[in-house]
Amino acid sequence: MTYTIDRIKDYCTTAVFDRGVDYHEDGRVVRLDRYGATISAAVQGSQPTPYAVEIELADDLRASCTCPYDGSGSCKHVVATWLAAADDDLEDEQPAVERRLERADPDDLREFLSTAFTGDVDLRRRFLATVSDQTDGRTLADYKRELASRYPAEDRQPPVSGPPQRFTGFEHRAERLEERDQPVEAGLIYRAMVEVRAEETDLVPEYHEDAVVEELEAFFECLQAADLSHEQKREHIEYLFEKWRSEDRFYRFFRDTYGWMLDDLCSTKADVRYYATLLEEHLPDDLLAGESDPTEVGISVPLKTYLGCLGFLGEDARVRELYEQYYQESPLFYRRYVAFLREIGDESRAIEVAEEGLEAFDTARLRPQLVELYEGRSSEQYEYHVERRFVEARDWSCYEALKQRSSPEKWDERVASFEEELAEEDHIHTLIELYLREKRRGEAFDLVIERARTDNSPRSLGRPTDRGLPILRKYRDELGEYDPETYHEIYEELLEPFAAEKTGRGHYQTIVGHLEELRELGLNDRFEALVDRLCEKHSNRPAFLDEMAKADLR
């Protein structure tokens, strides 16, 4: 066996492992076989029919069971099977089967299979799906009918647990077609698999997600392997476009997958021009209509894609016309239009649009564009926008750039301005970092202590990490040594009431984390006295004492 008993414990909970041991010792594993890298078993559970278990001998444990278990890790039936296999010198039957197949009489083999098919419908379906691997001019509809007949819809409904139905025989058939350099025909099979899931099944898209994505990717790989001409691609571009824009629940769920396949398939100007033509036919009168790209809110997916197609085709005049028409509608359009204008070399107009967008939407995301546009063009405007970029985005590269360009007097003036604005906007961590960079550790220390003593209730201003214990913990390494006695004193002052606020291991682990920080201050006598007080005060909390012991604090 590849796995030890200790290793199997990594794949289940302790309670499940113990129940699996009981099942094994009670003789619940009523059948156990090995064929190649697969162990199969029947395990008698609480129902009359034994549960079927399969374990694949791979780098990681891969196991399935027909029981309804939906907890963490593997079920007790898998554990019992594993233990039974580990106890038994299980013979691998695959070599014996292969030897007999090599010398079997064809007539005897045909008779045996015919008899087996009579009594085993599933075996018969798998044989037909696997062996019938000649295309014989089959169409997509032919494959879908065959799939639906071999794998009835009732077998494809989401079960209580376990993976979705796999069309294994058809997968093998498609793989053989690929090996025979027939990728388009293989792609039809993968496409049929996806469409049968969508059309024939009372589908839960999330449940089928992994299987569908694998089948779609296999379909796309077949198209890529076929090295199609533009004329041959057109029908596939149309198909992917139709599914990408479909409002059907299934296809909407996989819209991103269809979208990237469509983008990648359109690799030549002829492809992209055809893609743009399809888009033009489906664009609304108002190009801003339609769902927004979740990564770029404010621009509709059709318009974004259409602009991308036009850009690829080099139709800059049409792109510019569209941007001029719509750029004032959203901050995103401003940013994209500025980037486009820079690409085509019209930096003067880019500056105008960026300044206009900054005024219209007060969006800091246009600032980096203006910094780059003004660099080497206007020193005054460049430095102004670098200053604003530092305060708005806390971009320390801007801090360094300004420091290099400033005289000592000018730099003092700028730092004072930064201090005032950062304090006003309550950018507390940036202000502390500013003090540290300016070698003003005393002021950084005082600010941390001041904020640590700030009311830590939810109604207080700022984030919880800006005050109380979190801010002490954050800066212990950089500022604790500046005045360790005061730092320890404030930490104690806050930590003791915090420890009494709640119970639970998560809370106790947080306390331990703070204590570990305190220990680093090196004030051993004060630290040990604090630990003793906490352990005495919370001696009725075994979990707290346990966490303290695990951290070697008592």
Protein backbone atom coordinates (compact mmCIF):
# COMPACT_ATOMS: atom_id res chain seq x y z
CA MET A 1 0.00 0.00 0.00
CA THR A 2 1.18 3.52 -0.81
CA TYR A 3 -0.42 5.10 2.27
CA THR A 4 0.20 4.28 5.91
CA ILE A 5 -2.54 4.19 8.52
CA ASP A 6 -1.31 7.54 9.87
CA ARG A 7 -1.55 9.09 6.41
CA ILE A 8 -5.21 8.12 5.99
CA LYS A 9 -5.95 10.13 9.14
CA ASP A 10 -4.99 13.27 7.21
CA TYR A 11 -7.96 12.76 4.90
CA CYS A 12 -10.76 12.43 7.47
CA THR A 13 -11.85 13.72 10.85
CA THR A 14 -10.90 11.86 14.02
CA ALA A 15 -14.51 10.83 14.62
CA VAL A 16 -14.84 9.47 11.07
CA PHE A 17 -11.57 7.57 11.37
CA ASP A 18 -12.74 5.92 14.61
CA ARG A 19 -16.05 4.89 12.97
CA GLY A 20 -14.13 3.53 9.98
CA VAL A 21 -12.01 1.42 12.35
CA ASP A 22 -15.22 0.03 13.88
CA TYR A 23 -16.64 -0.78 10.42
CA HIS A 24 -13.43 -2.54 9.44
CA GLU A 25 -13.25 -4.56 12.64
CA ASP A 26 -16.96 -5.47 12.36
CA GLY A 27 -16.34 -6.95 8.91
CA ARG A 28 -18.52 -4.41 7.08
CA VAL A 29 -16.24 -4.49 4.00
CA VAL A 30 -18.03 -7.30 2.16
CA ARG A 31 -16.13 -7.07 -1.14
CA LEU A 32 -12.62 -5.82 -1.87
CA ASP A 33 -10.82 -5.81 -5.23
CA ARG A 34 -7.88 -4.14 -6.87
CA TYR A 35 -7.52 -3.50 -10.60
CA GLY A 36 -4.46 -1.48 -11.54
CA ALA A 37 -4.45 1.76 -9.57
CA THR A 38 -8.05 1.39 -8.40
CA ILE A 39 -9.35 -0.33 -5.27
CA SER A 40 -13.09 -0.99 -5.25
CA ALA A 41 -15.19 -2.28 -2.40
CA ALA A 42 -18.72 -2.82 -1.15
CA VAL A 43 -19.23 -1.66 2.44
CA GLN A 44 -22.36 -2.55 4.37
CA GLY A 45 -23.76 0.58 5.94
CA SER A 46 -27.07 1.39 7.57
CA GLN A 47 -29.06 0.62 4.38
CA PRO A 48 -29.80 -2.83 2.96
CA THR A 49 -27.72 -2.20 -0.16
CA PRO A 50 -23.95 -1.87 0.49
CA TYR A 51 -22.27 1.37 -0.49
CA ALA A 52 -19.83 1.29 -3.41
CA VAL A 53 -16.38 2.68 -2.66
CA GLU A 54 -13.56 3.45 -5.11
CA ILE A 55 -10.06 4.53 -4.11
CA GLU A 56 -7.50 5.63 -6.69
CA LEU A 57 -3.86 5.06 -5.77
CA ALA A 58 -2.49 8.49 -6.68
CA ASP A 59 -0.16 11.03 -5.06
CA ASP A 60 -3.13 12.29 -3.04
CA LEU A 61 -6.02 10.22 -1.80
CA ARG A 62 -8.80 10.23 -4.37
CA ALA A 63 -11.85 8.36 -3.19
CA SER A 64 -15.58 8.26 -3.82
CA CYS A 65 -18.47 6.60 -2.06
CA THR A 66 -22.16 6.34 -2.87
CA CYS A 67 -23.17 7.15 0.71
CA PRO A 68 -24.79 10.54 1.51
CA TYR A 69 -21.91 11.77 3.71
CA ASP A 70 -21.25 15.49 3.11
CA GLY A 71 -18.94 16.34 5.98
CA SER A 72 -15.26 17.20 6.00
CA GLY A 73 -12.86 14.78 4.31
CA SER A 74 -13.56 11.15 3.44
CA CYS A 75 -16.37 9.06 4.92
CA LYS A 76 -16.12 6.06 7.27
CA HIS A 77 -16.75 3.63 4.38
CA VAL A 78 -13.64 4.90 2.59
CA VAL A 79 -11.64 4.59 5.82
CA ALA A 80 -12.88 1.02 6.37
CA THR A 81 -11.95 0.11 2.80
CA TRP A 82 -8.49 1.58 3.20
CA LEU A 83 -7.90 -0.28 6.46
CA ALA A 84 -9.10 -3.54 4.92
CA ALA A 85 -6.79 -3.08 1.94
CA ALA A 86 -3.87 -2.23 4.22
CA ASP A 87 -4.48 -5.44 6.22
CA ASP A 88 -4.82 -7.62 3.13
CA ASP A 89 -2.10 -8.47 0.63
CA LEU A 90 -4.53 -7.47 -2.11
CA GLU A 91 -3.77 -9.03 -5.48
CA ASP A 92 -3.88 -6.76 -8.50
CA GLU A 93 -6.10 -8.51 -11.06
CA GLN A 94 -5.10 -6.29 -14.01
CA PRO A 95 -2.02 -8.31 -15.12
CA ALA A 96 -4.03 -11.55 -15.16
CA VAL A 97 -6.84 -9.94 -17.16
CA GLU A 98 -4.42 -8.52 -19.71
CA ARG A 99 -2.68 -11.87 -20.16
CA ARG A 100 -6.00 -13.59 -20.84
CA LEU A 101 -7.10 -10.88 -23.27
CA GLU A 102 -3.94 -11.37 -25.29
CA ARG A 103 -4.62 -15.08 -25.85
CA ALA A 104 -8.43 -15.07 -25.77
CA ASP A 105 -10.26 -16.64 -28.71
CA PRO A 106 -12.28 -13.85 -30.46
CA ASP A 107 -15.42 -16.00 -30.62
CA ASP A 108 -15.18 -16.83 -26.92
CA LEU A 109 -14.66 -13.17 -26.09
CA ARG A 110 -17.61 -12.13 -28.25
CA GLU A 111 -19.87 -14.71 -26.56
CA PHE A 112 -18.73 -13.64 -23.11
CA LEU A 113 -19.38 -9.95 -23.81
CA SER A 114 -22.73 -10.64 -25.38
CA THR A 115 -23.85 -12.55 -22.30
CA ALA A 116 -22.51 -9.86 -19.99
CA PHE A 117 -24.28 -7.10 -21.95
CA THR A 118 -27.61 -8.92 -21.59
CA GLY A 119 -27.60 -8.61 -17.83
CA ASP A 120 -25.65 -5.35 -17.34
CA VAL A 121 -27.22 -2.28 -18.94
CA ASP A 122 -24.53 0.06 -17.64
CA LEU A 123 -21.73 -2.09 -19.06
CA ARG A 124 -23.54 -2.24 -22.40
CA ARG A 125 -23.88 1.56 -22.53
CA ARG A 126 -20.24 2.09 -21.67
CA PHE A 127 -19.17 -0.40 -24.35
CA LEU A 128 -21.24 1.35 -27.03
CA ALA A 129 -19.92 4.75 -26.00
CA THR A 130 -16.32 3.56 -25.94
CA VAL A 131 -15.97 1.20 -28.88
CA SER A 132 -18.11 2.99 -31.45
CA ASP A 133 -15.38 5.48 -32.27
CA GLN A 134 -15.84 5.98 -36.01
CA THR A 135 -17.48 9.26 -36.93
CA ASP A 136 -19.31 7.90 -40.00
CA GLY A 137 -20.43 11.46 -40.77
CA ARG A 138 -22.08 11.92 -37.39
CA THR A 139 -23.41 15.38 -36.66
CA LEU A 140 -23.65 17.24 -33.37
CA ALA A 141 -27.30 16.17 -33.13
CA ASP A 142 -26.29 12.52 -33.60
CA TYR A 143 -23.83 12.70 -30.73
CA LYS A 144 -26.34 14.44 -28.49
CA ARG A 145 -28.98 11.78 -29.17
CA GLU A 146 -26.47 9.03 -28.50
CA LEU A 147 -25.29 10.68 -25.29
CA ALA A 148 -28.85 11.14 -24.08
CA SER A 149 -29.66 7.49 -24.76
CA ARG A 150 -26.50 6.10 -23.17
CA TYR A 151 -26.72 8.35 -20.12
CA PRO A 152 -30.40 8.94 -19.27
CA ALA A 153 -31.31 12.28 -17.73
CA GLU A 154 -32.31 10.70 -14.43
CA ASP A 155 -28.70 9.50 -14.02
CA ARG A 156 -27.40 13.05 -14.44
CA GLN A 157 -29.34 14.76 -11.66
CA PRO A 158 -27.27 16.10 -8.76
CA PRO A 159 -27.09 13.26 -6.21
CA VAL A 160 -26.96 13.73 -2.45
CA SER A 161 -23.17 13.76 -2.68
CA GLY A 162 -20.37 12.86 -5.06
CA PRO A 163 -19.23 14.20 -8.43
CA PRO A 164 -21.50 14.81 -11.44
CA GLN A 165 -22.05 12.16 -14.10
CA ARG A 166 -18.99 11.79 -16.34
CA PHE A 167 -19.42 10.72 -19.96
CA THR A 168 -16.39 8.47 -19.68
CA GLY A 169 -16.96 6.36 -22.78
CA PHE A 170 -17.44 9.42 -24.95
CA GLU A 171 -14.38 11.07 -23.45
CA HIS A 172 -12.33 8.03 -24.48
CA ARG A 173 -13.83 8.14 -27.94
CA ALA A 174 -12.92 11.82 -28.33
CA GLU A 175 -9.39 11.14 -27.11
CA ARG A 176 -8.92 8.44 -29.75
CA LEU A 177 -10.19 10.77 -32.44
CA GLU A 178 -7.62 13.33 -31.33
CA GLU A 179 -4.91 10.68 -31.52
CA ARG A 180 -6.04 9.93 -35.09
CA ASP A 181 -5.67 13.62 -35.99
CA GLN A 182 -9.43 14.25 -36.16
CA PRO A 183 -9.71 17.19 -33.71
CA VAL A 184 -12.83 18.75 -35.22
CA GLU A 185 -14.79 15.49 -34.81
CA ALA A 186 -13.45 15.13 -31.27
CA GLY A 187 -14.53 18.70 -30.55
CA LEU A 188 -18.09 17.84 -31.62
CA ILE A 189 -18.22 15.19 -28.91
CA TYR A 190 -17.06 17.58 -26.19
CA ARG A 191 -19.52 20.22 -27.39
CA ALA A 192 -22.32 17.62 -27.34
CA MET A 193 -21.46 16.72 -23.74
CA VAL A 194 -21.89 20.32 -22.63
CA GLU A 195 -25.11 20.84 -24.54
CA VAL A 196 -26.64 17.62 -23.23
CA ARG A 197 -25.93 18.78 -19.70
CA ALA A 198 -27.59 22.09 -20.48
CA GLU A 199 -30.64 20.75 -22.34
CA GLU A 200 -31.44 17.35 -20.91
CA THR A 201 -30.72 17.83 -17.22
CA ASP A 202 -32.58 19.68 -14.51
CA LEU A 203 -29.30 21.46 -14.13
CA VAL A 204 -27.63 23.11 -11.18
CA PRO A 205 -24.76 24.91 -12.97
CA GLU A 206 -22.60 25.21 -9.85
CA TYR A 207 -22.78 21.44 -9.32
CA HIS A 208 -21.61 20.69 -12.88
CA GLU A 209 -19.05 23.51 -13.03
CA ASP A 210 -15.81 21.52 -12.99
CA ALA A 211 -17.03 18.93 -15.51
CA VAL A 212 -18.42 21.57 -17.89
CA VAL A 213 -15.29 23.72 -17.77
CA GLU A 214 -13.14 20.66 -18.52
CA GLU A 215 -15.36 19.73 -21.47
CA LEU A 216 -15.40 23.30 -22.82
CA GLU A 217 -11.64 23.57 -22.55
CA ALA A 218 -11.24 20.22 -24.31
CA PHE A 219 -13.58 21.47 -27.07
CA PHE A 220 -11.52 24.64 -27.48
CA GLU A 221 -8.23 22.73 -27.53
CA CYS A 222 -9.64 20.65 -30.38
CA LEU A 223 -10.47 23.81 -32.33
CA GLN A 224 -6.95 25.12 -31.76
CA ALA A 225 -5.38 21.82 -32.80
CA ALA A 226 -7.39 21.82 -36.04
CA ASP A 227 -5.53 24.92 -37.35
CA LEU A 228 -8.71 26.20 -38.99
CA SER A 229 -8.83 28.82 -41.73
CA HIS A 230 -10.96 31.92 -41.20
CA GLU A 231 -13.80 30.45 -43.27
CA GLN A 232 -13.72 27.28 -41.19
CA LYS A 233 -13.66 29.27 -37.97
CA ARG A 234 -16.74 31.33 -38.74
CA GLU A 235 -19.30 28.75 -37.62
CA HIS A 236 -17.39 28.26 -34.36
CA ILE A 237 -17.12 32.02 -33.81
CA GLU A 238 -20.89 32.26 -34.31
CA TYR A 239 -21.48 29.39 -31.89
CA LEU A 240 -19.27 30.80 -29.15
CA PHE A 241 -20.75 34.27 -29.66
CA GLU A 242 -24.29 32.91 -29.36
CA LYS A 243 -23.48 31.16 -26.07
CA TRP A 244 -21.50 34.13 -24.75
CA ARG A 245 -24.48 36.45 -25.24
CA SER A 246 -27.15 33.90 -24.22
CA GLU A 247 -29.49 34.77 -21.35
CA ASP A 248 -30.06 31.10 -20.52
CA ARG A 249 -29.13 30.45 -16.88
CA PHE A 250 -26.66 27.69 -17.77
CA TYR A 251 -24.78 29.70 -20.40
CA ARG A 252 -24.79 32.84 -18.27
CA PHE A 253 -23.06 30.87 -15.52
CA PHE A 254 -20.26 29.92 -17.96
CA ARG A 255 -20.21 33.27 -19.80
CA ASP A 256 -16.63 34.08 -18.84
CA THR A 257 -15.42 30.75 -20.25
CA TYR A 258 -17.22 31.28 -23.55
CA GLY A 259 -15.89 34.84 -23.63
CA TRP A 260 -12.21 33.97 -23.34
CA MET A 261 -12.60 31.12 -25.85
CA LEU A 262 -14.15 33.56 -28.30
CA ASP A 263 -11.37 36.11 -27.74
CA ASP A 264 -8.64 33.50 -28.20
CA LEU A 265 -10.22 31.90 -31.25
CA CYS A 266 -10.30 35.25 -33.05
CA SER A 267 -6.57 35.44 -33.74
CA THR A 268 -6.46 37.11 -37.18
CA LYS A 269 -7.81 40.40 -38.48
CA ALA A 270 -10.41 38.52 -40.54
CA ASP A 271 -11.59 36.71 -37.40
CA VAL A 272 -11.77 39.91 -35.36
CA ARG A 273 -13.55 41.79 -38.13
CA TYR A 274 -16.20 39.07 -38.23
CA TYR A 275 -16.45 39.19 -34.43
CA ALA A 276 -16.97 42.97 -34.63
CA THR A 277 -19.68 42.46 -37.25
CA LEU A 278 -21.53 40.10 -34.91
CA LEU A 279 -21.21 42.66 -32.13
CA GLU A 280 -22.55 45.45 -34.33
CA GLU A 281 -25.65 43.38 -35.06
CA HIS A 282 -26.32 42.91 -31.34
CA LEU A 283 -25.28 46.28 -29.92
CA PRO A 284 -28.14 48.32 -28.45
CA ASP A 285 -28.86 51.76 -29.82
CA ASP A 286 -27.35 53.11 -26.62
CA LEU A 287 -23.92 51.48 -26.42
CA LEU A 288 -23.81 52.10 -22.66
CA ALA A 289 -26.72 49.71 -22.15
CA GLY A 290 -26.17 46.15 -20.98
CA GLU A 291 -24.40 44.57 -18.06
CA SER A 292 -21.19 46.14 -16.81
CA ASP A 293 -17.89 44.36 -16.70
CA PRO A 294 -17.53 43.42 -12.99
CA THR A 295 -13.84 44.39 -13.13
CA GLU A 296 -14.56 47.75 -14.78
CA VAL A 297 -17.89 49.05 -13.54
CA GLY A 298 -19.21 51.80 -15.78
CA ILE A 299 -18.59 50.28 -19.19
CA SER A 300 -20.90 47.74 -20.79
CA VAL A 301 -19.40 44.44 -21.85
CA PRO A 302 -20.53 44.78 -25.50
CA LEU A 303 -19.03 48.26 -25.85
CA LYS A 304 -15.78 47.28 -24.15
CA THR A 305 -15.44 44.26 -26.43
CA TYR A 306 -16.36 46.27 -29.53
CA LEU A 307 -13.73 48.90 -28.72
CA GLY A 308 -11.20 46.12 -28.26
CA CYS A 309 -12.02 44.71 -31.70
CA LEU A 310 -11.73 48.12 -33.35
CA GLY A 311 -8.41 48.70 -31.63
CA PHE A 312 -7.06 45.37 -32.85
CA LEU A 313 -8.15 46.26 -36.38
CA GLY A 314 -6.38 49.62 -36.18
CA GLU A 315 -9.59 51.60 -36.72
CA ASP A 316 -8.41 54.44 -34.49
CA ALA A 317 -10.69 57.04 -36.01
CA ARG A 318 -13.81 55.01 -35.16
CA VAL A 319 -12.48 54.28 -31.65
CA ARG A 320 -11.83 57.97 -31.08
CA GLU A 321 -15.28 58.85 -32.36
CA LEU A 322 -16.90 56.47 -29.84
CA TYR A 323 -14.78 57.74 -26.96
CA GLU A 324 -15.55 61.37 -27.81
CA GLN A 325 -19.23 60.45 -27.76
CA TYR A 326 -19.22 58.61 -24.41
CA TYR A 327 -16.13 59.50 -22.36
CA GLN A 328 -17.92 61.98 -20.11
CA GLU A 329 -20.32 59.30 -18.87
CA SER A 330 -18.04 57.67 -16.29
CA PRO A 331 -14.58 57.86 -14.67
CA LEU A 332 -13.68 54.61 -16.39
CA PHE A 333 -14.32 56.09 -19.83
CA TYR A 334 -12.08 59.03 -18.95
CA ARG A 335 -9.24 56.68 -17.96
CA ARG A 336 -9.61 54.46 -21.01
CA TYR A 337 -9.84 57.43 -23.36
CA VAL A 338 -6.72 59.02 -21.85
CA ALA A 339 -4.84 55.73 -22.30
CA PHE A 340 -6.04 55.51 -25.92
CA LEU A 341 -4.99 59.09 -26.68
CA ARG A 342 -1.54 58.38 -25.27
CA GLU A 343 -1.26 55.26 -27.44
CA ILE A 344 -1.94 57.25 -30.59
CA GLY A 345 0.43 60.05 -29.51
CA ASP A 346 -2.08 62.84 -28.78
CA GLU A 347 -0.74 63.74 -25.32
CA SER A 348 -2.11 67.30 -25.38
CA ARG A 349 -5.66 66.04 -25.74
CA ALA A 350 -4.92 63.31 -23.17
CA ILE A 351 -3.99 65.98 -20.61
CA GLU A 352 -7.17 67.94 -21.36
CA VAL A 353 -9.37 64.85 -20.91
CA ALA A 354 -7.55 63.73 -17.73
CA GLU A 355 -7.80 67.18 -16.10
CA GLU A 356 -11.47 67.37 -17.07
CA GLY A 357 -12.14 63.92 -15.60
CA LEU A 358 -10.33 64.81 -12.38
CA GLU A 359 -12.53 67.85 -11.96
CA ALA A 360 -15.75 66.12 -12.98
CA PHE A 361 -15.40 62.97 -10.85
CA ASP A 362 -12.68 63.82 -8.32
CA THR A 363 -11.17 60.42 -9.06
CA ALA A 364 -7.61 59.74 -7.91
CA ARG A 365 -7.28 56.97 -10.51
CA LEU A 366 -6.58 59.55 -13.22
CA ARG A 367 -3.69 60.95 -11.21
CA PRO A 368 -1.00 58.44 -12.34
CA GLN A 369 -1.78 59.28 -15.96
CA LEU A 370 -1.29 62.99 -15.26
CA VAL A 371 1.96 62.34 -13.38
CA GLU A 372 3.36 60.53 -16.42
CA LEU A 373 1.97 63.07 -18.90
CA TYR A 374 3.46 66.08 -17.10
CA GLU A 375 6.86 64.51 -16.44
CA GLY A 376 9.35 66.32 -18.66
CA ARG A 377 6.61 68.68 -19.85
CA SER A 378 5.85 70.86 -16.81
CA SER A 379 7.89 70.58 -13.59
CA GLU A 380 5.34 72.54 -11.59
CA GLN A 381 2.37 70.40 -12.69
CA TYR A 382 4.38 67.20 -12.36
CA GLU A 383 5.33 67.92 -8.74
CA TYR A 384 1.78 69.03 -7.89
CA HIS A 385 0.28 65.78 -9.15
CA VAL A 386 3.00 63.68 -7.51
CA GLU A 387 2.17 65.39 -4.19
CA ARG A 388 -1.52 64.70 -4.65
CA ARG A 389 -0.78 61.09 -5.66
CA PHE A 390 1.19 60.53 -2.45
CA VAL A 391 -1.57 61.87 -0.19
CA GLU A 392 -4.43 60.19 -2.07
CA ALA A 393 -2.87 56.77 -2.62
CA ARG A 394 -0.06 56.76 -0.03
CA ASP A 395 2.32 55.91 -2.86
CA TRP A 396 5.80 55.94 -1.31
CA SER A 397 7.50 56.05 -4.70
CA CYS A 398 6.00 59.55 -5.02
CA TYR A 399 7.44 60.45 -1.62
CA GLU A 400 10.90 59.35 -2.75
CA ALA A 401 10.61 61.15 -6.10
CA LEU A 402 9.66 64.43 -4.41
CA LYS A 403 12.38 64.12 -1.79
CA GLN A 404 15.03 63.79 -4.49
CA ARG A 405 13.75 66.91 -6.29
CA SER A 406 13.37 69.12 -3.20
CA SER A 407 15.79 71.41 -1.40
CA PRO A 408 15.96 70.86 2.41
CA GLU A 409 13.75 73.90 3.00
CA LYS A 410 11.23 72.86 0.38
CA TRP A 411 11.19 69.31 1.73
CA ASP A 412 10.46 70.49 5.28
CA GLU A 413 7.60 72.52 3.89
CA ARG A 414 6.22 69.53 2.00
CA VAL A 415 6.51 67.17 4.98
CA ALA A 416 4.61 69.67 7.16
CA SER A 417 1.88 69.82 4.55
CA PHE A 418 1.75 66.01 4.39
CA GLU A 419 1.49 65.79 8.17
CA GLU A 420 -1.41 68.21 8.30
CA GLU A 421 -3.37 66.54 5.53
CA LEU A 422 -2.73 62.96 6.67
CA ALA A 423 -3.81 63.84 10.20
CA GLU A 424 -6.92 65.59 8.92
CA GLU A 425 -7.86 62.58 6.79
CA ASP A 426 -6.96 60.21 9.66
CA HIS A 427 -4.47 58.25 7.56
CA ILE A 428 -2.84 57.22 10.80
CA HIS A 429 -0.56 54.45 9.53
CA THR A 430 0.78 56.60 6.69
CA LEU A 431 1.52 59.36 9.19
CA ILE A 432 3.40 56.94 11.47
CA GLU A 433 5.36 55.63 8.49
CA LEU A 434 6.16 59.22 7.50
CA TYR A 435 7.58 59.88 10.97
CA LEU A 436 9.65 56.71 10.80
CA ARG A 437 11.05 57.57 7.37
CA GLU A 438 11.87 61.06 8.57
CA LYS A 439 13.69 59.54 11.59
CA ARG A 440 11.25 61.10 14.03
CA ARG A 441 10.71 57.97 16.14
CA GLY A 442 9.67 59.89 19.22
CA GLU A 443 6.69 61.43 17.42
CA ALA A 444 5.80 58.07 15.89
CA PHE A 445 5.97 56.49 19.37
CA ASP A 446 3.80 59.19 20.93
CA LEU A 447 1.21 58.84 18.17
CA VAL A 448 1.00 55.06 18.60
CA ILE A 449 0.58 55.39 22.38
CA GLU A 450 -2.04 58.12 21.92
CA ARG A 451 -4.02 55.98 19.48
CA ALA A 452 -3.65 52.87 21.64
CA ARG A 453 -5.36 54.73 24.49
CA THR A 454 -8.18 55.90 22.21
CA ASP A 455 -11.64 54.56 23.04
CA ASN A 456 -11.74 51.17 21.35
CA SER A 457 -15.52 50.89 21.10
CA PRO A 458 -17.21 50.40 17.70
CA ARG A 459 -18.44 54.00 17.74
CA SER A 460 -14.88 55.37 17.73
CA LEU A 461 -13.50 56.98 14.60
CA GLY A 462 -11.20 55.00 12.34
CA ARG A 463 -10.76 51.29 11.85
CA PRO A 464 -10.24 48.94 14.83
CA THR A 465 -6.65 48.40 13.65
CA ASP A 466 -6.00 52.15 14.09
CA ARG A 467 -6.24 52.03 17.89
CA GLY A 468 -6.07 49.88 21.01
CA LEU A 469 -4.18 46.61 21.16
CA PRO A 470 -3.98 46.10 17.36
CA ILE A 471 -1.92 49.25 16.82
CA LEU A 472 0.42 48.31 19.69
CA ARG A 473 0.94 44.89 18.18
CA LYS A 474 1.52 46.31 14.70
CA TYR A 475 4.34 48.66 15.75
CA ARG A 476 5.96 46.68 18.60
CA ASP A 477 8.86 45.61 16.41
CA GLU A 478 9.63 49.14 15.15
CA LEU A 479 8.82 51.21 18.22
CA GLY A 480 8.78 48.96 21.28
CA GLU A 481 12.49 49.42 21.93
CA TYR A 482 12.17 53.22 21.88
CA ASP A 483 10.64 53.14 25.38
CA PRO A 484 9.98 49.51 26.35
CA GLU A 485 8.75 50.31 29.88
CA THR A 486 6.01 52.63 28.64
CA TYR A 487 5.13 50.28 25.79
CA HIS A 488 4.81 47.36 28.25
CA GLU A 489 2.77 49.47 30.66
CA ILE A 490 0.21 50.48 28.03
CA TYR A 491 0.05 46.93 26.67
CA GLU A 492 -0.70 45.58 30.19
CA GLU A 493 -3.24 48.32 30.79
CA LEU A 494 -5.20 47.28 27.70
CA LEU A 495 -4.59 43.53 27.65
CA GLU A 496 -5.94 42.60 31.09
CA PRO A 497 -9.48 43.94 30.55
CA PHE A 498 -9.43 42.64 26.96
CA ALA A 499 -8.68 39.12 28.24
CA ALA A 500 -11.78 39.23 30.44
CA GLU A 501 -14.14 40.41 27.68
CA LYS A 502 -14.89 37.08 25.98
CA THR A 503 -14.27 33.36 26.06
CA GLY A 504 -13.45 30.85 23.34
CA ARG A 505 -10.26 29.52 21.84
CA GLY A 506 -10.14 32.15 19.12
CA HIS A 507 -10.15 34.87 21.77
CA TYR A 508 -7.54 33.05 23.83
CA GLN A 509 -5.28 32.64 20.80
CA THR A 510 -5.50 36.40 20.21
CA ILE A 511 -4.42 37.01 23.82
CA VAL A 512 -1.50 34.61 23.37
CA GLY A 513 -0.47 36.50 20.21
CA HIS A 514 -0.32 39.76 22.15
CA LEU A 515 1.64 38.12 24.96
CA GLU A 516 4.17 36.79 22.48
CA GLU A 517 4.70 40.35 21.24
CA LEU A 518 5.08 41.61 24.79
CA ARG A 519 7.67 38.95 25.58
CA GLU A 520 9.88 40.39 22.82
CA LEU A 521 10.29 43.64 24.81
CA GLY A 522 12.64 41.76 27.14
CA LEU A 523 11.15 42.95 30.45
CA ASN A 524 11.08 39.44 31.85
CA ASP A 525 10.05 40.15 35.45
CA ARG A 526 7.13 42.38 34.46
CA PHE A 527 6.10 39.94 31.73
CA GLU A 528 6.10 36.90 34.03
CA ALA A 529 4.11 38.80 36.64
CA LEU A 530 1.48 39.66 34.01
CA VAL A 531 1.28 36.03 32.85
CA ASP A 532 0.86 34.85 36.45
CA ARG A 533 -1.96 37.34 37.04
CA LEU A 534 -3.77 36.30 33.86
CA CYS A 535 -3.46 32.58 34.63
CA GLU A 536 -4.67 33.09 38.20
CA LYS A 537 -7.58 35.31 37.17
CA HIS A 538 -8.70 32.89 34.45
CA SER A 539 -7.84 29.64 36.17
CA ASN A 540 -11.43 28.49 35.65
CA ARG A 541 -10.90 28.52 31.85
CA PRO A 542 -9.12 25.27 30.89
CA ALA A 543 -8.99 26.21 27.22
CA PHE A 544 -7.20 29.47 28.06
CA LEU A 545 -4.63 27.66 30.20
CA ASP A 546 -4.21 25.10 27.42
CA GLU A 547 -3.47 27.80 24.83
CA MET A 548 -0.99 29.42 27.22
CA ALA A 549 0.77 26.10 27.72
CA LYS A 550 0.92 25.38 23.99
CA ALA A 551 2.66 28.73 23.48
CA ASP A 552 5.09 27.90 26.31
CA LEU A 553 3.85 30.86 28.33
CA ARG A 554 3.28 28.92 31.58
